[in-house]
Amino acid sequence: ILRAQKLAEKGDAARYVDMAGVFCNDAIQRIEAKAKNTIAAMSEGDDMRMLLTALRRYTKNNVPVNTVAARQRIADTLIAANKYVF
């Protein structure tokens, strides 16, 4: 994320921003799934509902990323260069 921010200050960093957005979006989903499994394993009833509510609050993705389009733009950049350019 910091690399994408630094490159954005210099100029053409659109693909780096796409890569950071896709990574963060996927990471949030992985974290949420593992946390749900952990909560289910360690609690039940009202405690589970309370923990799941807290989890939703902390993993709320206010600005969803269109990962399909972002992945396509990243792939197009790689295909055009005919090598890994990142």
N, C-alpha and C. Protein backbone atom coordinates (compact mmCIF):
# COMPACT_ATOMS: atom_id res chain seq x y z
N ILE A 1 0.84 -1.18 0.00
CA ILE A 1 0.00 0.00 0.00
C ILE A 1 0.88 1.24 0.00
N LEU A 2 1.92 1.24 0.81
CA LEU A 2 2.82 2.39 0.85
C LEU A 2 3.54 2.57 -0.48
N ARG A 3 3.93 1.47 -1.10
CA ARG A 3 4.58 1.56 -2.41
C ARG A 3 3.64 2.17 -3.43
N ALA A 4 2.39 1.76 -3.42
CA ALA A 4 1.41 2.32 -4.35
C ALA A 4 1.23 3.81 -4.09
N GLN A 5 1.22 4.22 -2.83
CA GLN A 5 1.09 5.64 -2.51
C GLN A 5 2.29 6.43 -3.01
N LYS A 6 3.49 5.90 -2.80
CA LYS A 6 4.70 6.59 -3.26
C LYS A 6 4.70 6.71 -4.78
N LEU A 7 4.34 5.65 -5.47
CA LEU A 7 4.31 5.69 -6.93
C LEU A 7 3.22 6.62 -7.44
N ALA A 8 2.12 6.72 -6.72
CA ALA A 8 1.04 7.62 -7.13
C ALA A 8 1.51 9.07 -7.08
N GLU A 9 2.38 9.39 -6.14
CA GLU A 9 2.92 10.74 -6.05
C GLU A 9 3.84 11.05 -7.23
N LYS A 10 4.51 10.03 -7.76
CA LYS A 10 5.43 10.22 -8.88
C LYS A 10 4.73 10.25 -10.22
N GLY A 11 3.58 9.61 -10.34
CA GLY A 11 2.90 9.60 -11.63
C GLY A 11 2.09 8.35 -11.86
N ASP A 12 2.51 7.53 -12.84
CA ASP A 12 1.73 6.38 -13.29
C ASP A 12 1.80 5.22 -12.30
N ALA A 13 0.80 5.16 -11.45
CA ALA A 13 0.76 4.09 -10.45
C ALA A 13 -0.57 3.37 -10.45
N ALA A 14 -1.34 3.52 -11.51
CA ALA A 14 -2.69 2.97 -11.54
C ALA A 14 -2.70 1.46 -11.29
N ARG A 15 -1.79 0.73 -11.90
CA ARG A 15 -1.79 -0.73 -11.72
C ARG A 15 -1.37 -1.11 -10.31
N TYR A 16 -0.45 -0.34 -9.72
CA TYR A 16 -0.05 -0.62 -8.34
C TYR A 16 -1.22 -0.38 -7.39
N VAL A 17 -1.99 0.66 -7.65
CA VAL A 17 -3.18 0.93 -6.84
C VAL A 17 -4.18 -0.21 -7.01
N ASP A 18 -4.35 -0.69 -8.26
CA ASP A 18 -5.23 -1.83 -8.51
C ASP A 18 -4.76 -3.05 -7.72
N MET A 19 -3.45 -3.33 -7.76
CA MET A 19 -2.92 -4.49 -7.06
C MET A 19 -3.12 -4.37 -5.55
N ALA A 20 -2.90 -3.20 -5.00
CA ALA A 20 -3.09 -2.99 -3.56
C ALA A 20 -4.56 -3.14 -3.19
N GLY A 21 -5.45 -2.62 -4.02
CA GLY A 21 -6.88 -2.73 -3.75
C GLY A 21 -7.37 -4.16 -3.78
N VAL A 22 -6.91 -4.92 -4.77
CA VAL A 22 -7.30 -6.33 -4.88
C VAL A 22 -6.76 -7.11 -3.68
N PHE A 23 -5.50 -6.87 -3.34
CA PHE A 23 -4.90 -7.57 -2.20
C PHE A 23 -5.66 -7.29 -0.91
N CYS A 24 -5.93 -6.02 -0.65
CA CYS A 24 -6.62 -5.65 0.60
C CYS A 24 -8.03 -6.21 0.64
N ASN A 25 -8.74 -6.16 -0.48
CA ASN A 25 -10.09 -6.71 -0.54
C ASN A 25 -10.08 -8.21 -0.25
N ASP A 26 -9.16 -8.92 -0.88
CA ASP A 26 -9.06 -10.36 -0.65
C ASP A 26 -8.64 -10.67 0.79
N ALA A 27 -7.73 -9.86 1.33
CA ALA A 27 -7.27 -10.09 2.71
C ALA A 27 -8.40 -9.91 3.71
N ILE A 28 -9.22 -8.89 3.51
CA ILE A 28 -10.36 -8.67 4.40
C ILE A 28 -11.28 -9.89 4.39
N GLN A 29 -11.53 -10.43 3.20
CA GLN A 29 -12.41 -11.60 3.09
C GLN A 29 -11.81 -12.82 3.78
N ARG A 30 -10.49 -13.03 3.62
CA ARG A 30 -9.83 -14.17 4.28
C ARG A 30 -9.86 -14.02 5.80
N ILE A 31 -9.58 -12.83 6.27
CA ILE A 31 -9.59 -12.58 7.72
C ILE A 31 -10.98 -12.81 8.29
N GLU A 32 -12.00 -12.30 7.59
CA GLU A 32 -13.37 -12.46 8.07
C GLU A 32 -13.77 -13.93 8.15
N ALA A 33 -13.43 -14.71 7.13
CA ALA A 33 -13.79 -16.13 7.12
C ALA A 33 -13.10 -16.88 8.26
N LYS A 34 -11.81 -16.61 8.48
CA LYS A 34 -11.10 -17.30 9.55
C LYS A 34 -11.60 -16.87 10.92
N ALA A 35 -11.92 -15.59 11.06
CA ALA A 35 -12.45 -15.11 12.33
C ALA A 35 -13.81 -15.73 12.64
N LYS A 36 -14.66 -15.88 11.63
CA LYS A 36 -15.97 -16.52 11.84
C LYS A 36 -15.80 -17.96 12.31
N ASN A 37 -14.89 -18.68 11.70
CA ASN A 37 -14.64 -20.06 12.12
C ASN A 37 -14.13 -20.11 13.56
N THR A 38 -13.25 -19.19 13.90
CA THR A 38 -12.71 -19.14 15.26
C THR A 38 -13.80 -18.80 16.27
N ILE A 39 -14.63 -17.82 15.95
CA ILE A 39 -15.72 -17.44 16.85
C ILE A 39 -16.68 -18.60 17.05
N ALA A 40 -17.01 -19.30 15.97
CA ALA A 40 -17.92 -20.45 16.08
C ALA A 40 -17.32 -21.56 16.94
N ALA A 41 -16.01 -21.72 16.88
CA ALA A 41 -15.35 -22.77 17.66
C ALA A 41 -15.24 -22.44 19.14
N MET A 42 -15.21 -21.16 19.48
CA MET A 42 -14.94 -20.81 20.88
C MET A 42 -16.12 -20.23 21.64
N SER A 43 -17.25 -20.00 20.96
CA SER A 43 -18.38 -19.41 21.67
C SER A 43 -19.70 -19.92 21.12
N GLU A 44 -20.77 -19.58 21.82
CA GLU A 44 -22.11 -19.96 21.36
C GLU A 44 -23.12 -18.99 21.95
N GLY A 45 -24.32 -19.02 21.41
CA GLY A 45 -25.42 -18.21 21.93
C GLY A 45 -25.18 -16.71 21.81
N ASP A 46 -25.51 -16.00 22.89
CA ASP A 46 -25.39 -14.54 22.90
C ASP A 46 -23.95 -14.07 22.73
N ASP A 47 -23.02 -14.80 23.30
CA ASP A 47 -21.61 -14.43 23.14
C ASP A 47 -21.20 -14.48 21.67
N MET A 48 -21.65 -15.53 20.97
CA MET A 48 -21.32 -15.65 19.56
C MET A 48 -21.92 -14.50 18.76
N ARG A 49 -23.17 -14.17 19.03
CA ARG A 49 -23.82 -13.07 18.32
C ARG A 49 -23.10 -11.75 18.57
N MET A 50 -22.68 -11.52 19.81
CA MET A 50 -21.96 -10.30 20.14
C MET A 50 -20.62 -10.23 19.40
N LEU A 51 -19.90 -11.33 19.38
CA LEU A 51 -18.61 -11.37 18.69
C LEU A 51 -18.77 -11.21 17.18
N LEU A 52 -19.80 -11.84 16.61
CA LEU A 52 -20.04 -11.70 15.17
C LEU A 52 -20.42 -10.26 14.81
N THR A 53 -21.17 -9.60 15.68
CA THR A 53 -21.51 -8.19 15.46
C THR A 53 -20.25 -7.33 15.46
N ALA A 54 -19.36 -7.58 16.41
CA ALA A 54 -18.09 -6.84 16.46
C ALA A 54 -17.25 -7.12 15.22
N LEU A 55 -17.23 -8.37 14.79
CA LEU A 55 -16.48 -8.73 13.59
C LEU A 55 -17.00 -7.99 12.38
N ARG A 56 -18.32 -7.93 12.22
CA ARG A 56 -18.90 -7.21 11.09
C ARG A 56 -18.50 -5.74 11.12
N ARG A 57 -18.46 -5.17 12.30
CA ARG A 57 -18.09 -3.76 12.43
C ARG A 57 -16.64 -3.54 11.98
N TYR A 58 -15.75 -4.44 12.35
CA TYR A 58 -14.33 -4.26 12.04
C TYR A 58 -13.95 -4.70 10.63
N THR A 59 -14.74 -5.55 10.01
CA THR A 59 -14.41 -6.00 8.65
C THR A 59 -15.34 -5.38 7.61
N LYS A 60 -16.08 -4.38 8.03
CA LYS A 60 -17.00 -3.71 7.10
C LYS A 60 -16.19 -3.05 5.99
N ASN A 61 -16.51 -3.40 4.78
CA ASN A 61 -15.81 -2.85 3.62
C ASN A 61 -16.69 -1.74 3.04
N ASN A 62 -16.41 -0.50 3.43
CA ASN A 62 -17.24 0.63 3.02
C ASN A 62 -17.15 0.93 1.53
N VAL A 63 -15.99 0.69 0.94
CA VAL A 63 -15.80 0.97 -0.48
C VAL A 63 -15.39 -0.32 -1.17
N PRO A 64 -16.36 -1.09 -1.67
CA PRO A 64 -16.00 -2.34 -2.33
C PRO A 64 -15.17 -2.09 -3.59
N VAL A 65 -14.27 -2.99 -3.85
CA VAL A 65 -13.38 -2.89 -5.00
C VAL A 65 -13.89 -3.83 -6.08
N ASN A 66 -13.97 -3.33 -7.30
CA ASN A 66 -14.35 -4.18 -8.44
C ASN A 66 -13.11 -4.98 -8.81
N THR A 67 -12.93 -6.11 -8.15
CA THR A 67 -11.71 -6.89 -8.35
C THR A 67 -11.65 -7.54 -9.72
N VAL A 68 -12.79 -7.81 -10.32
CA VAL A 68 -12.78 -8.41 -11.66
C VAL A 68 -12.15 -7.44 -12.65
N ALA A 69 -12.60 -6.20 -12.63
CA ALA A 69 -12.05 -5.19 -13.55
C ALA A 69 -10.59 -4.88 -13.22
N ALA A 70 -10.27 -4.80 -11.93
CA ALA A 70 -8.90 -4.50 -11.53
C ALA A 70 -7.95 -5.61 -11.96
N ARG A 71 -8.36 -6.86 -11.77
CA ARG A 71 -7.52 -7.99 -12.20
C ARG A 71 -7.35 -7.99 -13.72
N GLN A 72 -8.38 -7.61 -14.45
CA GLN A 72 -8.28 -7.55 -15.90
C GLN A 72 -7.29 -6.47 -16.33
N ARG A 73 -7.34 -5.30 -15.68
CA ARG A 73 -6.39 -4.23 -16.00
C ARG A 73 -4.95 -4.66 -15.69
N ILE A 74 -4.76 -5.34 -14.58
CA ILE A 74 -3.43 -5.84 -14.22
C ILE A 74 -2.94 -6.84 -15.27
N ALA A 75 -3.82 -7.76 -15.65
CA ALA A 75 -3.46 -8.76 -16.66
C ALA A 75 -3.15 -8.11 -18.00
N ASP A 76 -3.93 -7.11 -18.39
CA ASP A 76 -3.69 -6.41 -19.65
C ASP A 76 -2.31 -5.75 -19.66
N THR A 77 -1.92 -5.18 -18.53
CA THR A 77 -0.60 -4.56 -18.42
C THR A 77 0.50 -5.60 -18.59
N LEU A 78 0.34 -6.75 -17.95
CA LEU A 78 1.34 -7.81 -18.06
C LEU A 78 1.41 -8.39 -19.46
N ILE A 79 0.26 -8.57 -20.08
CA ILE A 79 0.22 -9.12 -21.44
C ILE A 79 0.85 -8.16 -22.42
N ALA A 80 0.57 -6.87 -22.27
CA ALA A 80 1.13 -5.87 -23.18
C ALA A 80 2.66 -5.81 -23.07
N ALA A 81 3.19 -5.97 -21.87
CA ALA A 81 4.63 -5.93 -21.67
C ALA A 81 5.28 -7.28 -21.99
N ASN A 82 4.49 -8.34 -22.03
CA ASN A 82 4.97 -9.70 -22.29
C ASN A 82 5.99 -10.16 -21.25
N LYS A 83 5.87 -9.61 -20.03
CA LYS A 83 6.71 -10.03 -18.91
C LYS A 83 6.10 -9.48 -17.63
N TYR A 84 6.63 -9.92 -16.50
CA TYR A 84 6.17 -9.42 -15.21
C TYR A 84 6.86 -8.08 -14.96
N VAL A 85 6.09 -7.02 -14.91
CA VAL A 85 6.67 -5.68 -14.83
C VAL A 85 6.57 -5.04 -13.45
N PHE A 86 6.04 -5.75 -12.50
CA PHE A 86 5.84 -5.12 -11.19
C PHE A 86 6.97 -5.46 -10.30
